Amino acid sequence: MNPATRIPHLSDLGLLIGRVAVGVVFVAHGWQKINDLGHGAVAKMFEGMDVPVASLSAYYSTWVEFLAGLALIVGAAVPIAGLLLAIDMAGAFLFVHKGNGVFVAENGYELVLALGGAAILLAFAGAGRFSVDGLIFSRTESRDPQHAT
C-alpha cells in the first residue's frame, strides 16, 4: 500500500521539504552571483567557460536561480520555476560540467544533475498542498461548480 494513502498529506510534506531544501540552494547560488560576484564578474566567468551569449546567460542564471529559488521556497508558480531552473541546470551541465565526470570536487556534474533533476521533478509534481500554489488552487477548485461535492 502507498504510504501516502495511509498517512494523509505525506506526499505534500515531502514536496514542502524538498522544495525548501532545493530552493535554499538555488537562492544561495543566485545571491552569490548578485552580491559576491556581480554581473560583470559572472559574465566574464561565463565567457571564460565558453558559455554562449555570456552576458545574457549570466543574467538568466543569476536571476532565475535567485527568484525561482524563492518561488520554490514559498511554493509559488512551482511548475514554471522548476522548468526555468531545470533549463538553467541543463545549460550548466552542457556548457560547464559534462566533460569533467560526475564528482563536484573535479568540477563534475553531480550537483547540477541533482538540482536539475529535483527542479524537473517539482515542475511535474507541483508544489503540493503546503504552498502558495496549493492555497490558490484549492480555493479556486472549491469555487468551481464542477469540483463541488
N, C-alpha and C. Protein backbone atom coordinates (compact mmCIF):
# COMPACT_ATOMS: atom_id res chain seq x y z
N MET A 1 0.84 -1.18 0.00
CA MET A 1 0.00 0.00 0.00
C MET A 1 0.89 1.25 0.00
N ASN A 2 0.45 2.23 -0.71
CA ASN A 2 1.16 3.50 -0.80
C ASN A 2 1.14 4.22 0.55
N PRO A 3 2.32 4.58 1.11
CA PRO A 3 2.34 5.27 2.42
C PRO A 3 1.53 6.55 2.42
N ALA A 4 1.44 7.22 1.29
CA ALA A 4 0.69 8.48 1.24
C ALA A 4 -0.80 8.25 1.46
N THR A 5 -1.30 7.06 1.12
CA THR A 5 -2.72 6.79 1.36
C THR A 5 -2.98 6.44 2.82
N ARG A 6 -1.97 5.92 3.53
CA ARG A 6 -2.12 5.60 4.94
C ARG A 6 -1.95 6.83 5.82
N ILE A 7 -1.08 7.73 5.41
CA ILE A 7 -0.80 8.94 6.19
C ILE A 7 -1.18 10.14 5.34
N PRO A 8 -2.30 10.79 5.66
CA PRO A 8 -2.74 11.92 4.83
C PRO A 8 -1.67 13.02 4.74
N HIS A 9 -1.53 13.57 3.59
CA HIS A 9 -0.65 14.71 3.32
C HIS A 9 0.85 14.38 3.38
N LEU A 10 1.21 13.10 3.41
CA LEU A 10 2.62 12.73 3.47
C LEU A 10 3.37 13.21 2.23
N SER A 11 2.78 13.03 1.06
CA SER A 11 3.46 13.49 -0.16
C SER A 11 3.55 15.02 -0.18
N ASP A 12 2.56 15.70 0.36
CA ASP A 12 2.62 17.17 0.44
C ASP A 12 3.74 17.62 1.36
N LEU A 13 3.94 16.90 2.45
CA LEU A 13 5.03 17.21 3.37
C LEU A 13 6.38 16.98 2.68
N GLY A 14 6.48 15.89 1.93
CA GLY A 14 7.70 15.62 1.17
C GLY A 14 7.99 16.69 0.15
N LEU A 15 6.96 17.16 -0.55
CA LEU A 15 7.14 18.23 -1.52
C LEU A 15 7.59 19.53 -0.83
N LEU A 16 7.01 19.82 0.32
CA LEU A 16 7.41 21.02 1.08
C LEU A 16 8.89 20.95 1.46
N ILE A 17 9.30 19.85 2.06
CA ILE A 17 10.69 19.71 2.49
C ILE A 17 11.64 19.78 1.29
N GLY A 18 11.31 19.07 0.23
CA GLY A 18 12.14 19.08 -0.98
C GLY A 18 12.22 20.46 -1.62
N ARG A 19 11.07 21.13 -1.73
CA ARG A 19 11.03 22.48 -2.32
C ARG A 19 11.91 23.43 -1.55
N VAL A 20 11.78 23.43 -0.23
CA VAL A 20 12.54 24.36 0.60
C VAL A 20 14.03 24.05 0.49
N ALA A 21 14.41 22.79 0.58
CA ALA A 21 15.83 22.43 0.51
C ALA A 21 16.45 22.84 -0.82
N VAL A 22 15.80 22.50 -1.91
CA VAL A 22 16.32 22.83 -3.24
C VAL A 22 16.27 24.34 -3.46
N GLY A 23 15.20 24.98 -3.01
CA GLY A 23 15.08 26.42 -3.15
C GLY A 23 16.18 27.18 -2.43
N VAL A 24 16.53 26.73 -1.23
CA VAL A 24 17.60 27.38 -0.46
C VAL A 24 18.92 27.30 -1.23
N VAL A 25 19.21 26.16 -1.81
CA VAL A 25 20.47 26.01 -2.57
C VAL A 25 20.48 26.95 -3.77
N PHE A 26 19.37 27.01 -4.49
CA PHE A 26 19.31 27.90 -5.66
C PHE A 26 19.40 29.37 -5.24
N VAL A 27 18.69 29.76 -4.20
CA VAL A 27 18.76 31.15 -3.71
C VAL A 27 20.20 31.49 -3.32
N ALA A 28 20.86 30.58 -2.64
CA ALA A 28 22.25 30.83 -2.23
C ALA A 28 23.15 31.06 -3.44
N HIS A 29 22.98 30.26 -4.48
CA HIS A 29 23.81 30.42 -5.68
C HIS A 29 23.47 31.70 -6.42
N GLY A 30 22.19 32.03 -6.51
CA GLY A 30 21.79 33.29 -7.14
C GLY A 30 22.30 34.49 -6.35
N TRP A 31 22.15 34.42 -5.02
CA TRP A 31 22.61 35.52 -4.17
C TRP A 31 24.12 35.70 -4.27
N GLN A 32 24.84 34.61 -4.37
CA GLN A 32 26.29 34.69 -4.53
C GLN A 32 26.64 35.44 -5.81
N LYS A 33 25.91 35.16 -6.88
CA LYS A 33 26.16 35.85 -8.15
C LYS A 33 25.79 37.33 -8.05
N ILE A 34 24.72 37.64 -7.35
CA ILE A 34 24.27 39.04 -7.21
C ILE A 34 25.21 39.81 -6.28
N ASN A 35 25.41 39.28 -5.10
CA ASN A 35 26.06 40.02 -4.02
C ASN A 35 27.58 39.90 -4.02
N ASP A 36 28.10 38.71 -4.16
CA ASP A 36 29.54 38.50 -4.03
C ASP A 36 30.30 38.78 -5.33
N LEU A 37 29.72 38.36 -6.44
CA LEU A 37 30.43 38.45 -7.71
C LEU A 37 30.03 39.68 -8.52
N GLY A 38 28.75 39.89 -8.69
CA GLY A 38 28.26 40.96 -9.56
C GLY A 38 28.14 40.47 -10.99
N HIS A 39 27.30 41.15 -11.75
CA HIS A 39 27.02 40.70 -13.12
C HIS A 39 28.28 40.65 -13.99
N GLY A 40 29.10 41.68 -13.91
CA GLY A 40 30.30 41.71 -14.75
C GLY A 40 31.20 40.51 -14.53
N ALA A 41 31.42 40.15 -13.28
CA ALA A 41 32.29 39.02 -12.96
C ALA A 41 31.67 37.70 -13.41
N VAL A 42 30.35 37.57 -13.25
CA VAL A 42 29.67 36.34 -13.68
C VAL A 42 29.75 36.23 -15.20
N ALA A 43 29.48 37.32 -15.90
CA ALA A 43 29.56 37.31 -17.37
C ALA A 43 30.97 36.97 -17.84
N LYS A 44 31.97 37.55 -17.19
CA LYS A 44 33.37 37.27 -17.55
C LYS A 44 33.72 35.80 -17.28
N MET A 45 33.24 35.27 -16.16
CA MET A 45 33.46 33.87 -15.84
C MET A 45 32.80 32.97 -16.89
N PHE A 46 31.57 33.31 -17.29
CA PHE A 46 30.86 32.54 -18.31
C PHE A 46 31.59 32.62 -19.65
N GLU A 47 32.09 33.80 -19.98
CA GLU A 47 32.88 33.96 -21.21
C GLU A 47 34.08 33.02 -21.21
N GLY A 48 34.78 32.96 -20.08
CA GLY A 48 35.96 32.10 -19.95
C GLY A 48 35.62 30.63 -20.06
N MET A 49 34.38 30.27 -19.80
CA MET A 49 33.93 28.87 -19.91
C MET A 49 33.24 28.61 -21.24
N ASP A 50 33.30 29.59 -22.15
CA ASP A 50 32.67 29.49 -23.48
C ASP A 50 31.16 29.27 -23.43
N VAL A 51 30.52 29.85 -22.42
CA VAL A 51 29.06 29.81 -22.35
C VAL A 51 28.54 30.77 -23.41
N PRO A 52 27.64 30.32 -24.29
CA PRO A 52 27.12 31.21 -25.34
C PRO A 52 26.41 32.43 -24.75
N VAL A 53 26.53 33.55 -25.44
CA VAL A 53 25.89 34.80 -25.05
C VAL A 53 26.11 35.03 -23.54
N ALA A 54 27.36 35.14 -23.16
CA ALA A 54 27.77 35.11 -21.76
C ALA A 54 27.03 36.13 -20.89
N SER A 55 26.88 37.36 -21.35
CA SER A 55 26.23 38.38 -20.54
C SER A 55 24.76 38.05 -20.30
N LEU A 56 24.05 37.67 -21.35
CA LEU A 56 22.64 37.30 -21.22
C LEU A 56 22.49 36.03 -20.37
N SER A 57 23.38 35.06 -20.59
CA SER A 57 23.36 33.82 -19.81
C SER A 57 23.61 34.12 -18.34
N ALA A 58 24.48 35.08 -18.05
CA ALA A 58 24.76 35.45 -16.66
C ALA A 58 23.53 36.06 -16.00
N TYR A 59 22.82 36.93 -16.72
CA TYR A 59 21.58 37.48 -16.19
C TYR A 59 20.58 36.37 -15.91
N TYR A 60 20.38 35.49 -16.91
CA TYR A 60 19.41 34.40 -16.77
C TYR A 60 19.75 33.54 -15.55
N SER A 61 20.98 33.08 -15.50
CA SER A 61 21.41 32.19 -14.42
C SER A 61 21.24 32.84 -13.05
N THR A 62 21.70 34.06 -12.93
CA THR A 62 21.64 34.77 -11.66
C THR A 62 20.20 34.94 -11.18
N TRP A 63 19.38 35.53 -12.03
CA TRP A 63 18.03 35.89 -11.58
C TRP A 63 17.08 34.71 -11.53
N VAL A 64 17.26 33.72 -12.40
CA VAL A 64 16.42 32.52 -12.31
C VAL A 64 16.76 31.76 -11.03
N GLU A 65 18.04 31.60 -10.75
CA GLU A 65 18.42 30.89 -9.53
C GLU A 65 17.86 31.60 -8.29
N PHE A 66 17.99 32.91 -8.25
CA PHE A 66 17.53 33.65 -7.08
C PHE A 66 15.99 33.68 -6.99
N LEU A 67 15.33 34.15 -8.03
CA LEU A 67 13.88 34.34 -7.97
C LEU A 67 13.10 33.03 -8.02
N ALA A 68 13.51 32.12 -8.89
CA ALA A 68 12.81 30.83 -8.95
C ALA A 68 13.12 30.01 -7.70
N GLY A 69 14.30 30.19 -7.12
CA GLY A 69 14.60 29.54 -5.84
C GLY A 69 13.66 30.03 -4.76
N LEU A 70 13.43 31.35 -4.70
CA LEU A 70 12.46 31.90 -3.76
C LEU A 70 11.05 31.34 -4.02
N ALA A 71 10.70 31.24 -5.30
CA ALA A 71 9.38 30.69 -5.66
C ALA A 71 9.23 29.25 -5.16
N LEU A 72 10.30 28.46 -5.26
CA LEU A 72 10.23 27.09 -4.73
C LEU A 72 10.02 27.11 -3.22
N ILE A 73 10.73 27.97 -2.52
CA ILE A 73 10.63 28.02 -1.06
C ILE A 73 9.20 28.30 -0.61
N VAL A 74 8.56 29.28 -1.23
CA VAL A 74 7.19 29.61 -0.82
C VAL A 74 6.14 28.79 -1.55
N GLY A 75 6.56 28.12 -2.61
CA GLY A 75 5.63 27.28 -3.35
C GLY A 75 4.74 28.06 -4.30
N ALA A 76 5.29 29.05 -4.98
CA ALA A 76 4.52 29.88 -5.91
C ALA A 76 5.00 29.63 -7.34
N ALA A 77 4.07 29.35 -8.23
CA ALA A 77 4.38 29.12 -9.65
C ALA A 77 5.45 28.04 -9.80
N VAL A 78 5.35 27.00 -9.01
CA VAL A 78 6.39 25.96 -8.97
C VAL A 78 6.60 25.25 -10.30
N PRO A 79 5.57 24.93 -11.08
CA PRO A 79 5.86 24.30 -12.37
C PRO A 79 6.73 25.18 -13.28
N ILE A 80 6.47 26.47 -13.28
CA ILE A 80 7.26 27.40 -14.11
C ILE A 80 8.66 27.55 -13.52
N ALA A 81 8.74 27.78 -12.22
CA ALA A 81 10.04 27.93 -11.56
C ALA A 81 10.90 26.69 -11.76
N GLY A 82 10.31 25.52 -11.58
CA GLY A 82 11.04 24.27 -11.75
C GLY A 82 11.57 24.11 -13.16
N LEU A 83 10.75 24.45 -14.15
CA LEU A 83 11.17 24.34 -15.55
C LEU A 83 12.31 25.31 -15.85
N LEU A 84 12.21 26.55 -15.40
CA LEU A 84 13.27 27.53 -15.63
C LEU A 84 14.58 27.10 -14.97
N LEU A 85 14.49 26.54 -13.77
CA LEU A 85 15.69 26.07 -13.07
C LEU A 85 16.28 24.84 -13.76
N ALA A 86 15.43 23.96 -14.26
CA ALA A 86 15.92 22.78 -14.98
C ALA A 86 16.66 23.20 -16.25
N ILE A 87 16.16 24.22 -16.94
CA ILE A 87 16.84 24.75 -18.12
C ILE A 87 18.19 25.34 -17.73
N ASP A 88 18.22 26.07 -16.62
CA ASP A 88 19.46 26.64 -16.10
C ASP A 88 20.48 25.53 -15.83
N MET A 89 20.05 24.46 -15.19
CA MET A 89 20.96 23.36 -14.87
C MET A 89 21.37 22.58 -16.12
N ALA A 90 20.49 22.50 -17.10
CA ALA A 90 20.85 21.85 -18.38
C ALA A 90 21.98 22.63 -19.04
N GLY A 91 21.88 23.96 -19.01
CA GLY A 91 22.95 24.79 -19.56
C GLY A 91 24.25 24.62 -18.80
N ALA A 92 24.18 24.57 -17.48
CA ALA A 92 25.38 24.37 -16.66
C ALA A 92 26.00 23.01 -16.98
N PHE A 93 25.16 22.00 -17.15
CA PHE A 93 25.67 20.67 -17.50
C PHE A 93 26.37 20.70 -18.86
N LEU A 94 25.65 21.19 -19.86
CA LEU A 94 26.16 21.14 -21.24
C LEU A 94 27.40 22.00 -21.47
N PHE A 95 27.41 23.20 -20.89
CA PHE A 95 28.47 24.15 -21.21
C PHE A 95 29.62 24.18 -20.21
N VAL A 96 29.43 23.60 -19.02
CA VAL A 96 30.46 23.73 -18.00
C VAL A 96 30.93 22.38 -17.44
N HIS A 97 30.01 21.50 -17.10
CA HIS A 97 30.37 20.35 -16.27
C HIS A 97 30.46 19.00 -16.96
N LYS A 98 29.83 18.80 -18.10
CA LYS A 98 29.68 17.45 -18.65
C LYS A 98 30.99 16.74 -18.94
N GLY A 99 32.01 17.43 -19.33
CA GLY A 99 33.28 16.79 -19.66
C GLY A 99 34.18 16.51 -18.47
N ASN A 100 33.69 16.80 -17.26
CA ASN A 100 34.53 16.70 -16.07
C ASN A 100 34.21 15.50 -15.19
N GLY A 101 33.38 14.60 -15.66
CA GLY A 101 32.99 13.45 -14.84
C GLY A 101 31.89 13.81 -13.86
N VAL A 102 31.62 12.89 -12.97
CA VAL A 102 30.49 13.03 -12.06
C VAL A 102 30.79 13.94 -10.87
N PHE A 103 31.93 13.80 -10.26
CA PHE A 103 32.15 14.36 -8.93
C PHE A 103 32.41 15.86 -8.93
N VAL A 104 31.71 16.55 -8.03
CA VAL A 104 31.79 18.00 -7.92
C VAL A 104 33.20 18.46 -7.55
N ALA A 105 33.94 17.65 -6.84
CA ALA A 105 35.32 18.01 -6.45
C ALA A 105 36.21 18.18 -7.68
N GLU A 106 35.80 17.57 -8.79
CA GLU A 106 36.55 17.70 -10.05
C GLU A 106 35.78 18.57 -11.05
N ASN A 107 34.93 19.47 -10.52
CA ASN A 107 34.06 20.32 -11.33
C ASN A 107 33.08 19.49 -12.17
N GLY A 108 32.72 18.33 -11.64
CA GLY A 108 31.80 17.44 -12.32
C GLY A 108 30.36 17.88 -12.17
N TYR A 109 29.47 17.04 -12.68
CA TYR A 109 28.07 17.43 -12.81
C TYR A 109 27.14 16.88 -11.73
N GLU A 110 27.64 16.31 -10.64
CA GLU A 110 26.74 15.69 -9.66
C GLU A 110 25.75 16.69 -9.06
N LEU A 111 26.18 17.87 -8.67
CA LEU A 111 25.28 18.85 -8.08
C LEU A 111 24.29 19.37 -9.12
N VAL A 112 24.79 19.66 -10.30
CA VAL A 112 23.94 20.14 -11.39
C VAL A 112 22.88 19.10 -11.75
N LEU A 113 23.28 17.84 -11.79
CA LEU A 113 22.35 16.76 -12.11
C LEU A 113 21.29 16.61 -11.01
N ALA A 114 21.71 16.64 -9.76
CA ALA A 114 20.77 16.50 -8.64
C ALA A 114 19.80 17.69 -8.59
N LEU A 115 20.32 18.91 -8.73
CA LEU A 115 19.46 20.09 -8.70
C LEU A 115 18.53 20.15 -9.91
N GLY A 116 19.06 19.82 -11.08
CA GLY A 116 18.23 19.81 -12.29
C GLY A 116 17.14 18.75 -12.21
N GLY A 117 17.50 17.58 -11.71
CA GLY A 117 16.51 16.51 -11.55
C GLY A 117 15.43 16.90 -10.55
N ALA A 118 15.83 17.49 -9.43
CA ALA A 118 14.86 17.94 -8.43
C ALA A 118 13.97 19.04 -9.00
N ALA A 119 14.54 19.95 -9.78
CA ALA A 119 13.76 21.05 -10.36
C ALA A 119 12.71 20.51 -11.33
N ILE A 120 13.09 19.54 -12.17
CA ILE A 120 12.12 19.00 -13.13
C ILE A 120 11.07 18.15 -12.41
N LEU A 121 11.47 17.46 -11.35
CA LEU A 121 10.52 16.71 -10.54
C LEU A 121 9.46 17.66 -9.96
N LEU A 122 9.90 18.78 -9.41
CA LEU A 122 8.97 19.75 -8.86
C LEU A 122 8.11 20.39 -9.95
N ALA A 123 8.70 20.63 -11.12
CA ALA A 123 7.92 21.19 -12.23
C ALA A 123 6.78 20.25 -12.61
N PHE A 124 7.03 18.95 -12.59
CA PHE A 124 6.00 17.99 -12.98
C PHE A 124 5.04 17.64 -11.84
N ALA A 125 5.56 17.57 -10.60
CA ALA A 125 4.72 17.18 -9.46
C ALA A 125 3.94 18.35 -8.88
N GLY A 126 4.46 19.55 -9.04
CA GLY A 126 3.82 20.72 -8.45
C GLY A 126 4.29 20.97 -7.03
N ALA A 127 3.70 21.96 -6.41
CA ALA A 127 4.15 22.44 -5.11
C ALA A 127 3.59 21.66 -3.94
N GLY A 128 2.46 21.00 -4.13
CA GLY A 128 1.80 20.32 -3.02
C GLY A 128 0.87 21.25 -2.27
N ARG A 129 0.17 20.67 -1.33
CA ARG A 129 -0.86 21.39 -0.57
C ARG A 129 -0.29 22.51 0.30
N PHE A 130 0.92 22.32 0.84
CA PHE A 130 1.52 23.30 1.77
C PHE A 130 2.33 24.32 1.00
N SER A 131 1.65 25.17 0.24
CA SER A 131 2.32 26.12 -0.64
C SER A 131 1.35 27.23 -1.02
N VAL A 132 1.90 28.28 -1.59
CA VAL A 132 1.06 29.34 -2.14
C VAL A 132 0.20 28.77 -3.27
N ASP A 133 0.81 27.97 -4.15
CA ASP A 133 0.04 27.35 -5.23
C ASP A 133 -1.10 26.51 -4.67
N GLY A 134 -0.82 25.72 -3.64
CA GLY A 134 -1.85 24.88 -3.03
C GLY A 134 -2.99 25.69 -2.45
N LEU A 135 -2.65 26.81 -1.86
CA LEU A 135 -3.66 27.70 -1.30
C LEU A 135 -4.54 28.30 -2.40
N ILE A 136 -3.90 28.80 -3.43
CA ILE A 136 -4.63 29.44 -4.53
C ILE A 136 -5.50 28.43 -5.26
N PHE A 137 -4.92 27.29 -5.62
CA PHE A 137 -5.66 26.33 -6.43
C PHE A 137 -6.72 25.59 -5.64
N SER A 138 -6.54 25.40 -4.34
CA SER A 138 -7.58 24.74 -3.55
C SER A 138 -8.78 25.67 -3.41
N ARG A 139 -8.54 26.98 -3.30
CA ARG A 139 -9.64 27.95 -3.23
C ARG A 139 -10.36 28.04 -4.57
N THR A 140 -9.59 28.03 -5.66
CA THR A 140 -10.19 28.09 -7.00
C THR A 140 -11.05 26.86 -7.26
N GLU A 141 -10.55 25.69 -6.90
CA GLU A 141 -11.29 24.45 -7.12
C GLU A 141 -12.55 24.40 -6.26
N SER A 142 -12.49 24.91 -5.04
CA SER A 142 -13.67 24.86 -4.18
C SER A 142 -14.78 25.78 -4.67
N ARG A 143 -14.43 26.79 -5.48
CA ARG A 143 -15.45 27.70 -6.05
C ARG A 143 -15.96 27.20 -7.39
N ASP A 144 -15.24 26.25 -7.99
CA ASP A 144 -15.62 25.72 -9.31
C ASP A 144 -16.76 24.73 -9.14
N PRO A 145 -17.93 24.99 -9.76
CA PRO A 145 -19.08 24.11 -9.58
C PRO A 145 -18.81 22.66 -10.05
N GLN A 146 -17.91 22.47 -10.97
CA GLN A 146 -17.59 21.12 -11.43
C GLN A 146 -16.85 20.33 -10.38
N HIS A 147 -16.16 21.01 -9.44
CA HIS A 147 -15.41 20.33 -8.40
C HIS A 147 -16.16 20.30 -7.06
N ALA A 148 -17.37 20.82 -7.05
CA ALA A 148 -18.15 20.84 -5.81
C ALA A 148 -18.60 19.43 -5.46
N THR A 149 -18.67 19.13 -4.18
CA THR A 149 -19.12 17.80 -3.77
C THR A 149 -20.49 17.85 -3.17
